[in-house]
Amino acid sequence: MENTLGQRRVHPLWWTAALFLTVIGLVVMCSAIFAGTFRRYVPVTLTSDRSGLVMESGAKVKLQGVEVGRVAGISGGKHPVGLQLEIFPDQVDYIPANVEAEIASTTAFGAKYVDLIYPAEPSAQRIAAGAVLQARNVSTEVNTVFDNLVGLLDQIDVSKLSAVLTAVADGVRGQGERMGQATTDANEVLLAINPRMDNVGKNWVSFKGFSDAYSSAAQDILSTLDAASVTSTTIADRASDLDALLLSSIGFSNSGIDLIAPNRDNIIQGINVLEPTTSLLLKYDPIYTCLLQGARFALENGGYENIGGNGRSVVQDVGLLLGDDPYKYPQHLPVVNAKGGPGGKPSCGSLPDVSKNYPVRYLVTDTGFGTGLDIRPNPGIGFPGWVNYFPVTKGVPEPPRLRYPGGPAPGPPPPWPGGPPYGAPWYGPDGTPLWPGVPEHPAPPAPPAPEPAP
């Protein structure tokens, strides 16, 4: 009985082996489950110029901070590389086909991960297996900086670098106050410029129009430069002729100097004497055009007929008139106080076409001659005498002979009975009245009192 029971019992060693196998199987199964061996993924390829020194298989793939997959492997050399991504199938519906990617890191020394960038205008299609993405950039990591820095330091001579740094230190030693002042001044400049940055931006925008204009005219500018090259070639070929021209110009200028230099004072005096005439011509400049046009109109509308019309004869109206009084100074000095047309400026009046500008506005001017009347109010003999001018033609010239110059010309009656005739003086040299009823001569004004000395 005892032997039968002993034969059916399992040896404890087998139980131990089974326990170990069970434990190992559980560990392997848990590891496989943790590693996602039994999970399905959507394979996607990411290409990049480089992956970084700390990019490893199993790195996370994130979209807006949410893990959506992992990096299955890295293939390729340093430039470029391909990253095999495994996207979770349940996350595929949230990733558009035009998604972008970049390789980023959590910290400067941390491991890298793939960050999917959600596009501004996502497409309706979703990412699919076999899709190929292009990484925008790879963040710079400290290891890469150190690697590049070591490569740079290998190319630098330490002794020369030390000498340069020593020279720089000696140059800035004791200049702290000036450097601080320069920094303060630079800050003031920036404070003055910052409020004008909007205008600077507008200037850059307007500069685009300027550049566009020159871009459109570029071919014309190039054509002009090509033509200028032809001109320069012509000048170079005609260098001898140009030299002769310059020598002739120098000779001409020397001749001009020899001519003008001795007469410099005469030329200056002539210009000064001519100045009043030119000023008068300039003053009446507005009327020259209408004067010439009016003269042409007059000739074309009866002027030629009035002077004969055939170029060989002239029509004249001749008559005998009473003579004027002989000129006496200063009674007959002319009075010229006319100020031109409206506003005192020279005026064309009815010119150039009198028939279209009629009647002409009447202008009252202060002109004439002498102290009497311009037009006599009564008839009379102006000068009942004669003058002989022949003595001036003798071998020894003599003055003209005036016979009976006569008294004053007839004029208006005296202002009162017994008063002075027209044109007769009222007072004697000493101021005494020469005619009855003439008021006393006004006393001359008293000289002004001298100003007190300062």
Protein backbone atom coordinates (compact mmCIF):
# COMPACT_ATOMS: atom_id res chain seq x y z
CA MET A 1 0.00 0.00 0.00
CA GLU A 2 2.76 2.35 0.92
CA ASN A 3 4.70 1.50 -2.22
CA THR A 4 1.75 2.29 -4.49
CA LEU A 5 1.32 5.76 -2.97
CA GLY A 6 5.01 6.49 -3.32
CA GLN A 7 5.03 5.70 -6.99
CA ARG A 8 2.22 8.26 -7.78
CA ARG A 9 3.82 11.26 -5.97
CA VAL A 10 5.62 13.97 -8.20
CA HIS A 11 9.14 14.68 -7.25
CA PRO A 12 9.64 18.18 -5.67
CA LEU A 13 12.37 19.04 -8.18
CA TRP A 14 9.81 19.08 -10.95
CA TRP A 15 7.66 21.46 -8.99
CA THR A 16 10.64 23.77 -8.56
CA ALA A 17 11.44 23.71 -12.27
CA ALA A 18 7.81 24.42 -13.14
CA LEU A 19 7.77 27.35 -10.74
CA PHE A 20 10.88 28.88 -12.34
CA LEU A 21 9.50 28.41 -15.80
CA THR A 22 6.23 30.03 -14.79
CA VAL A 23 8.01 33.00 -13.26
CA ILE A 24 10.25 33.41 -16.33
CA GLY A 25 7.23 33.17 -18.62
CA LEU A 26 5.39 35.81 -16.65
CA VAL A 27 8.43 38.14 -16.76
CA VAL A 28 8.85 37.64 -20.48
CA MET A 29 5.15 38.19 -21.09
CA CYS A 30 5.10 41.36 -18.97
CA SER A 31 8.20 42.69 -20.73
CA ALA A 32 6.68 41.98 -24.12
CA ILE A 33 3.42 43.63 -23.11
CA PHE A 34 5.34 46.64 -21.71
CA ALA A 35 7.46 46.90 -24.87
CA GLY A 36 4.32 46.70 -27.02
CA THR A 37 5.38 43.56 -28.78
CA PHE A 38 1.83 42.39 -29.14
CA ARG A 39 0.51 45.82 -30.21
CA ARG A 40 -0.17 46.86 -33.78
CA TYR A 41 1.43 50.08 -35.13
CA VAL A 42 1.16 52.25 -38.24
CA PRO A 43 4.69 52.57 -39.70
CA VAL A 44 5.73 56.08 -40.78
CA THR A 45 9.15 57.30 -41.98
CA LEU A 46 10.63 60.64 -40.86
CA THR A 47 13.62 62.03 -42.81
CA SER A 48 15.95 64.65 -41.34
CA ASP A 49 19.33 66.18 -41.98
CA ARG A 50 20.48 64.72 -38.66
CA SER A 51 18.88 63.10 -35.65
CA GLY A 52 21.03 64.36 -32.82
CA LEU A 53 23.43 62.58 -30.54
CA VAL A 54 20.83 61.53 -27.97
CA MET A 55 18.09 60.27 -30.25
CA GLU A 56 17.51 56.57 -29.50
CA SER A 57 15.11 53.85 -30.49
CA GLY A 58 12.03 53.87 -28.34
CA ALA A 59 11.91 57.66 -28.12
CA LYS A 60 8.46 59.13 -27.88
CA VAL A 61 6.41 60.62 -30.70
CA LYS A 62 4.11 63.40 -29.48
CA LEU A 63 1.33 65.51 -30.96
CA GLN A 64 0.46 68.65 -28.99
CA GLY A 65 2.03 67.08 -25.89
CA VAL A 66 0.16 63.76 -26.20
CA GLU A 67 2.16 60.62 -26.93
CA VAL A 68 0.92 59.13 -30.20
CA GLY A 69 3.73 56.68 -31.04
CA ARG A 70 7.38 55.79 -30.69
CA VAL A 71 10.65 55.69 -32.63
CA ALA A 72 11.24 52.11 -33.78
CA GLY A 73 14.69 52.63 -35.22
CA ILE A 74 17.20 54.97 -36.88
CA SER A 75 18.79 54.28 -40.23
CA GLY A 76 21.32 56.08 -42.35
CA GLY A 77 24.55 57.94 -41.61
CA LYS A 78 25.02 61.43 -40.25
CA HIS A 79 23.54 63.26 -43.24
CA PRO A 80 20.69 62.50 -43.81
CA VAL A 81 19.00 60.00 -41.51
CA GLY A 82 15.68 58.18 -41.51
CA LEU A 83 13.63 57.56 -38.39
CA GLN A 84 11.17 54.67 -38.40
CA LEU A 85 8.11 55.81 -36.45
CA GLU A 86 5.39 53.59 -35.10
CA ILE A 87 2.10 55.44 -34.62
CA PHE A 88 -0.61 54.07 -32.36
CA PRO A 89 -3.56 52.94 -34.48
CA ASP A 90 -6.07 54.61 -32.15
CA GLN A 91 -4.30 57.98 -32.69
CA VAL A 92 -4.23 57.88 -36.48
CA ASP A 93 -7.67 59.50 -36.76
CA TYR A 94 -6.30 62.62 -35.00
CA ILE A 95 -3.24 63.10 -37.23
CA PRO A 96 -3.80 64.79 -40.64
CA ALA A 97 -1.79 63.65 -43.65
CA ASN A 98 -0.02 67.04 -44.01
CA VAL A 99 1.28 67.04 -40.46
CA GLU A 100 4.79 68.45 -39.98
CA ALA A 101 7.46 67.22 -37.59
CA GLU A 102 10.58 68.37 -35.82
CA ILE A 103 13.09 66.70 -33.54
CA ALA A 104 13.03 68.42 -30.15
CA SER A 105 14.34 67.76 -26.67
CA THR A 106 12.84 68.25 -23.22
CA THR A 107 15.95 69.96 -21.79
CA ALA A 108 19.42 70.90 -22.96
CA PHE A 109 20.77 67.55 -21.72
CA GLY A 110 17.56 65.53 -22.11
CA ALA A 111 16.72 62.85 -24.64
CA LYS A 112 15.14 63.87 -27.90
CA TYR A 113 11.67 63.04 -29.13
CA VAL A 114 9.69 63.58 -32.30
CA ASP A 115 7.20 66.43 -32.03
CA LEU A 116 4.44 66.39 -34.63
CA ILE A 117 3.32 69.96 -35.55
CA TYR A 118 -0.39 70.30 -36.26
CA PRO A 119 -0.75 72.29 -39.52
CA ALA A 120 -2.64 75.59 -39.72
CA GLU A 121 -4.83 74.15 -42.50
CA PRO A 122 -5.13 70.39 -41.85
CA SER A 123 -6.16 68.18 -44.74
CA ALA A 124 -9.18 65.91 -44.61
CA GLN A 125 -7.04 62.82 -45.19
CA ARG A 126 -5.43 61.11 -42.21
CA ILE A 127 -1.88 59.83 -41.98
CA ALA A 128 -1.47 56.32 -43.39
CA ALA A 129 1.05 53.56 -43.22
CA GLY A 130 4.15 54.20 -45.31
CA ALA A 131 3.82 57.99 -45.16
CA VAL A 132 7.09 59.96 -45.34
CA LEU A 133 7.48 63.13 -43.27
CA GLN A 134 10.25 65.74 -43.54
CA ALA A 135 11.61 67.20 -40.29
CA ARG A 136 11.67 71.00 -40.23
CA ASN A 137 14.61 71.35 -37.84
CA VAL A 138 16.54 69.63 -35.11
CA SER A 139 17.07 71.48 -31.84
CA THR A 140 20.66 72.15 -30.94
CA GLU A 141 21.87 70.05 -28.04
CA VAL A 142 24.74 70.67 -25.66
CA ASN A 143 26.62 67.65 -26.92
CA THR A 144 26.55 69.02 -30.45
CA VAL A 145 27.71 72.43 -29.20
CA PHE A 146 30.57 70.84 -27.31
CA ASP A 147 31.46 68.73 -30.33
CA ASN A 148 31.59 71.77 -32.61
CA LEU A 149 33.45 73.77 -29.97
CA VAL A 150 36.10 71.09 -29.62
CA GLY A 151 36.53 71.07 -33.40
CA LEU A 152 36.91 74.85 -33.35
CA LEU A 153 39.43 74.78 -30.51
CA ASP A 154 41.51 72.24 -32.41
CA GLN A 155 41.97 74.88 -35.14
CA ILE A 156 43.00 77.70 -32.76
CA ASP A 157 46.52 78.42 -31.60
CA VAL A 158 46.16 78.76 -27.83
CA SER A 159 49.17 81.07 -27.47
CA LYS A 160 47.87 83.47 -30.14
CA LEU A 161 44.39 83.40 -28.61
CA SER A 162 45.90 84.22 -25.23
CA ALA A 163 47.86 87.11 -26.74
CA VAL A 164 44.72 88.47 -28.42
CA LEU A 165 42.67 88.23 -25.22
CA THR A 166 45.50 89.88 -23.26
CA ALA A 167 45.64 92.75 -25.77
CA VAL A 168 41.87 93.18 -25.56
CA ALA A 169 42.01 93.16 -21.75
CA ASP A 170 44.80 95.79 -21.76
CA GLY A 171 42.79 97.89 -24.20
CA VAL A 172 39.62 97.96 -22.09
CA ARG A 173 41.38 98.24 -18.73
CA GLY A 174 40.56 101.61 -17.15
CA GLN A 175 37.96 102.42 -19.83
CA GLY A 176 34.96 101.34 -17.81
CA GLU A 177 33.61 104.86 -17.40
CA ARG A 178 33.88 105.60 -21.12
CA MET A 179 32.33 102.25 -22.00
CA GLY A 180 29.49 102.94 -19.60
CA GLN A 181 28.98 106.39 -21.11
CA ALA A 182 29.02 104.85 -24.59
CA THR A 183 26.43 102.31 -23.48
CA THR A 184 24.29 105.08 -22.02
CA ASP A 185 24.57 107.10 -25.22
CA ALA A 186 23.67 104.05 -27.27
CA ASN A 187 20.64 103.55 -25.05
CA GLU A 188 19.61 107.18 -25.63
CA VAL A 189 19.96 106.66 -29.37
CA LEU A 190 17.81 103.53 -29.21
CA LEU A 191 15.22 105.37 -27.11
CA ALA A 192 15.07 108.05 -29.79
CA ILE A 193 14.86 105.50 -32.62
CA ASN A 194 12.27 103.16 -31.08
CA PRO A 195 9.32 105.63 -31.38
CA ARG A 196 10.21 106.01 -35.06
CA MET A 197 10.30 102.32 -35.86
CA ASP A 198 6.83 102.54 -37.38
CA ASN A 199 8.13 105.13 -39.82
CA VAL A 200 11.16 102.93 -40.47
CA GLY A 201 8.84 100.04 -41.26
CA LYS A 202 6.81 102.25 -43.61
CA ASN A 203 10.04 103.35 -45.28
CA TRP A 204 11.00 99.74 -45.87
CA VAL A 205 7.55 99.09 -47.32
CA SER A 206 7.87 102.11 -49.61
CA PHE A 207 11.38 100.97 -50.48
CA LYS A 208 9.74 97.92 -52.07
CA GLY A 209 7.97 100.19 -54.56
CA PHE A 210 11.28 101.94 -55.21
CA SER A 211 13.04 98.64 -55.84
CA ASP A 212 10.17 97.44 -58.04
CA ALA A 213 10.45 100.60 -60.16
CA TYR A 214 14.19 100.11 -60.61
CA SER A 215 13.63 96.41 -61.29
CA SER A 216 11.27 97.33 -64.13
CA ALA A 217 13.78 99.86 -65.46
CA ALA A 218 16.77 97.52 -65.10
CA GLN A 219 16.89 96.66 -68.81
CA ASP A 220 16.72 100.34 -69.76
CA ILE A 221 19.49 101.14 -67.28
CA LEU A 222 21.65 98.37 -68.71
CA SER A 223 20.97 99.66 -72.22
CA THR A 224 21.99 103.14 -71.12
CA LEU A 225 25.20 101.78 -69.61
CA ASP A 226 25.91 99.89 -72.83
CA ALA A 227 25.39 103.11 -74.78
CA ALA A 228 27.68 104.91 -72.30
CA SER A 229 30.36 102.31 -72.99
CA VAL A 230 30.04 103.09 -76.71
CA THR A 231 30.35 106.81 -75.90
CA SER A 232 33.45 106.19 -73.78
CA THR A 233 34.96 104.16 -76.61
CA THR A 234 34.28 107.00 -79.04
CA ILE A 235 35.89 109.51 -76.66
CA ALA A 236 38.93 107.27 -76.29
CA ASP A 237 39.22 106.93 -80.07
CA ARG A 238 38.88 110.71 -80.51
CA ALA A 239 41.28 111.61 -77.70
CA SER A 240 43.55 113.60 -80.03
CA ASP A 241 40.61 115.63 -81.37
CA LEU A 242 39.42 116.24 -77.80
CA ASP A 243 42.88 117.48 -76.83
CA ALA A 244 42.85 119.86 -79.78
CA LEU A 245 39.40 121.12 -78.76
CA LEU A 246 40.57 121.74 -75.20
CA LEU A 247 43.67 123.57 -76.43
CA SER A 248 41.51 125.71 -78.72
CA SER A 249 39.16 126.46 -75.81
CA ILE A 250 42.14 127.54 -73.71
CA GLY A 251 43.35 129.79 -76.50
CA PHE A 252 39.87 131.25 -76.96
CA SER A 253 39.59 131.96 -73.22
CA ASN A 254 43.01 133.65 -73.22
CA SER A 255 41.96 135.81 -76.15
CA GLY A 256 38.75 136.68 -74.31
CA ILE A 257 40.75 137.65 -71.24
CA ASP A 258 43.05 139.85 -73.33
CA LEU A 259 39.97 141.53 -74.86
CA ILE A 260 37.81 141.95 -71.76
CA ALA A 261 40.41 142.61 -69.04
CA PRO A 262 41.51 146.06 -70.36
CA ASN A 263 37.87 147.09 -70.82
CA ARG A 264 36.60 145.71 -67.54
CA ASP A 265 35.83 149.11 -66.04
CA ASN A 266 34.11 150.28 -69.23
CA ILE A 267 31.96 147.12 -69.33
CA ILE A 268 30.98 147.55 -65.69
CA GLN A 269 30.15 151.21 -66.27
CA GLY A 270 28.15 150.34 -69.39
CA ILE A 271 26.15 147.73 -67.49
CA ASN A 272 25.48 150.20 -64.66
CA VAL A 273 24.39 152.85 -67.16
CA LEU A 274 22.19 150.32 -68.90
CA GLU A 275 20.48 149.29 -65.65
CA PRO A 276 17.82 152.09 -65.61
CA THR A 277 16.92 151.32 -69.23
CA THR A 278 16.63 147.58 -68.59
CA SER A 279 14.61 148.24 -65.44
CA LEU A 280 12.21 150.41 -67.47
CA LEU A 281 11.94 147.71 -70.14
CA LEU A 282 11.32 145.09 -67.45
CA LYS A 283 8.61 147.27 -65.90
CA TYR A 284 6.73 147.49 -69.21
CA ASP A 285 7.35 143.85 -70.12
CA PRO A 286 3.61 142.89 -69.93
CA ILE A 287 2.65 145.27 -72.76
CA TYR A 288 5.21 144.33 -75.43
CA THR A 289 3.25 141.38 -76.76
CA CYS A 290 -0.05 143.22 -77.03
CA LEU A 291 1.75 146.26 -78.52
CA LEU A 292 3.28 144.21 -81.35
CA GLN A 293 0.04 142.29 -81.90
CA GLY A 294 -1.90 145.58 -81.97
CA ALA A 295 0.56 147.08 -84.47
CA ARG A 296 0.16 144.05 -86.73
CA PHE A 297 -3.62 144.25 -86.40
CA ALA A 298 -3.54 147.97 -87.29
CA LEU A 299 -1.37 147.36 -90.37
CA GLU A 300 -3.52 144.46 -91.57
CA ASN A 301 -6.76 146.41 -91.02
CA GLY A 302 -6.19 149.65 -92.95
CA GLY A 303 -2.70 150.63 -91.85
CA TYR A 304 -1.05 149.90 -95.19
CA GLU A 305 -3.77 151.77 -97.09
CA ASN A 306 -3.39 154.87 -94.89
CA ILE A 307 0.29 155.20 -95.73
CA GLY A 308 -0.17 154.69 -99.46
CA GLY A 309 -0.64 150.97 -99.74
CA ASN A 310 1.81 150.49 -102.64
CA GLY A 311 5.14 151.02 -100.93
CA ARG A 312 5.94 154.13 -103.01
CA SER A 313 3.55 156.78 -101.76
CA VAL A 314 2.13 158.07 -98.49
CA VAL A 315 -1.14 159.75 -97.58
CA GLN A 316 -0.71 162.83 -95.37
CA ASP A 317 -3.03 165.48 -93.95
CA VAL A 318 -1.20 168.81 -93.70
CA GLY A 319 -2.55 172.00 -92.14
CA LEU A 320 -1.40 175.30 -90.64
CA LEU A 321 -1.83 175.74 -86.90
CA LEU A 322 -1.05 178.53 -84.47
CA GLY A 323 2.35 178.29 -82.85
CA ASP A 324 2.99 177.44 -79.20
CA ASP A 325 4.67 179.64 -76.68
CA PRO A 326 8.47 179.30 -76.51
CA TYR A 327 9.72 176.90 -73.87
CA LYS A 328 10.42 178.54 -70.55
CA TYR A 329 12.17 176.97 -67.61
CA PRO A 330 10.90 175.93 -65.11
CA GLN A 331 7.32 176.84 -65.99
CA HIS A 332 7.14 174.33 -68.84
CA LEU A 333 8.71 171.30 -67.12
CA PRO A 334 6.65 168.20 -67.96
CA VAL A 335 4.49 166.50 -65.35
CA VAL A 336 4.84 162.72 -65.53
CA ASN A 337 2.81 161.07 -62.76
CA ALA A 338 0.95 158.41 -64.72
CA LYS A 339 0.89 155.01 -63.00
CA GLY A 340 -0.14 152.82 -65.91
CA GLY A 341 -3.34 150.79 -65.99
CA PRO A 342 -5.53 149.41 -63.21
CA GLY A 343 -3.63 148.93 -60.00
CA GLY A 344 -0.79 151.16 -61.17
CA LYS A 345 0.63 148.44 -63.46
CA PRO A 346 1.35 148.80 -67.19
CA SER A 347 -1.79 148.00 -69.15
CA CYS A 348 -2.52 147.01 -72.74
CA GLY A 349 -5.69 149.11 -72.78
CA SER A 350 -7.76 148.08 -75.80
CA LEU A 351 -4.88 146.28 -77.54
CA PRO A 352 -4.34 144.01 -79.38
CA ASP A 353 -7.79 144.06 -81.03
CA VAL A 354 -9.36 147.49 -80.48
CA SER A 355 -12.66 146.42 -82.08
CA LYS A 356 -13.22 143.74 -79.41
CA ASN A 357 -12.11 145.84 -76.43
CA TYR A 358 -14.18 148.98 -76.88
CA PRO A 359 -14.81 151.26 -75.08
CA VAL A 360 -11.60 151.49 -73.08
CA ARG A 361 -11.86 152.33 -69.40
CA TYR A 362 -11.10 155.99 -68.78
CA LEU A 363 -8.01 156.51 -66.62
CA VAL A 364 -7.37 159.81 -64.83
CA THR A 365 -3.63 160.58 -64.85
CA ASP A 366 -1.55 163.48 -63.63
CA THR A 367 0.39 164.37 -66.76
CA GLY A 368 0.99 167.44 -68.89
CA PHE A 369 3.45 170.31 -68.96
CA GLY A 370 3.86 173.75 -67.37
CA THR A 371 1.93 175.37 -64.56
CA GLY A 372 -1.00 176.46 -66.74
CA LEU A 373 -3.66 174.58 -68.60
CA ASP A 374 -2.88 171.77 -71.02
CA ILE A 375 -5.67 172.90 -73.36
CA ARG A 376 -6.44 176.60 -73.58
CA PRO A 377 -10.03 177.47 -72.78
CA ASN A 378 -10.05 180.39 -75.28
CA PRO A 379 -8.48 181.00 -78.70
CA GLY A 380 -5.57 183.36 -79.10
CA ILE A 381 -2.16 183.83 -80.60
CA GLY A 382 0.25 181.67 -78.73
CA PHE A 383 3.43 183.25 -80.05
CA PRO A 384 3.04 186.45 -82.18
CA GLY A 385 6.70 186.73 -83.13
CA TRP A 386 9.44 184.97 -85.06
CA VAL A 387 12.74 183.25 -84.51
CA ASN A 388 15.78 183.27 -86.81
CA TYR A 389 17.85 180.09 -86.53
CA PHE A 390 20.19 180.77 -89.46
CA PRO A 391 22.89 182.52 -87.37
CA VAL A 392 23.77 179.14 -85.87
CA THR A 393 25.05 178.03 -89.32
CA LYS A 394 27.68 180.77 -89.62
CA GLY A 395 31.39 180.10 -89.52
CA VAL A 396 31.34 181.52 -86.03
CA PRO A 397 27.98 180.23 -84.76
CA GLU A 398 25.68 182.71 -83.08
CA PRO A 399 22.61 182.09 -80.96
CA PRO A 400 19.15 182.25 -82.61
CA ARG A 401 17.51 185.65 -82.77
CA LEU A 402 14.12 185.85 -81.05
CA ARG A 403 11.88 188.74 -82.13
CA TYR A 404 9.05 189.86 -79.86
CA PRO A 405 8.57 186.94 -77.48
CA GLY A 406 5.37 188.67 -76.33
CA GLY A 407 3.59 188.51 -73.03
CA PRO A 408 1.79 185.63 -71.46
CA ALA A 409 -0.54 183.63 -73.63
CA PRO A 410 -4.25 184.44 -73.42
CA GLY A 411 -5.95 182.48 -70.72
CA PRO A 412 -8.84 182.59 -68.28
CA PRO A 413 -9.94 186.01 -66.91
CA PRO A 414 -8.54 187.20 -63.54
CA PRO A 415 -10.04 185.46 -60.53
CA TRP A 416 -11.53 188.80 -59.36
CA PRO A 417 -11.79 192.28 -60.86
CA GLY A 418 -8.36 193.90 -60.88
CA GLY A 419 -6.73 190.59 -60.02
CA PRO A 420 -3.60 189.18 -61.62
CA PRO A 421 -3.89 188.05 -65.25
CA TYR A 422 -3.55 184.36 -66.09
CA GLY A 423 0.06 183.25 -65.68
CA ALA A 424 1.29 186.52 -64.06
CA PRO A 425 3.30 186.25 -60.81
CA TRP A 426 1.38 187.18 -57.61
CA TYR A 427 4.32 188.10 -55.37
CA GLY A 428 7.58 189.95 -55.76
CA PRO A 429 10.99 188.52 -54.87
CA ASP A 430 10.61 189.76 -51.29
CA GLY A 431 7.08 188.31 -50.91
CA THR A 432 5.21 191.59 -51.44
CA PRO A 433 1.80 191.15 -53.21
CA LEU A 434 1.90 192.65 -56.73
CA TRP A 435 -1.89 192.83 -57.25
CA PRO A 436 -4.74 194.13 -55.19
CA GLY A 437 -6.68 191.52 -53.27
CA VAL A 438 -3.81 189.06 -53.20
CA PRO A 439 -3.38 187.63 -49.65
CA GLU A 440 -0.16 188.06 -47.76
CA HIS A 441 2.58 185.67 -48.69
CA PRO A 442 2.69 182.83 -46.13
CA ALA A 443 5.70 182.94 -43.83
CA PRO A 444 8.25 180.22 -44.39
CA PRO A 445 8.09 177.41 -41.84
CA ALA A 446 10.36 177.75 -38.84
CA PRO A 447 13.44 175.51 -38.90
CA PRO A 448 13.10 172.46 -36.66
CA ALA A 449 14.55 172.77 -33.17
CA PRO A 450 17.89 170.98 -32.75
CA GLU A 451 17.67 167.65 -30.97
CA PRO A 452 19.18 167.57 -27.49
CA ALA A 453 22.62 166.08 -27.31
CA PRO A 454 22.67 162.59 -25.85
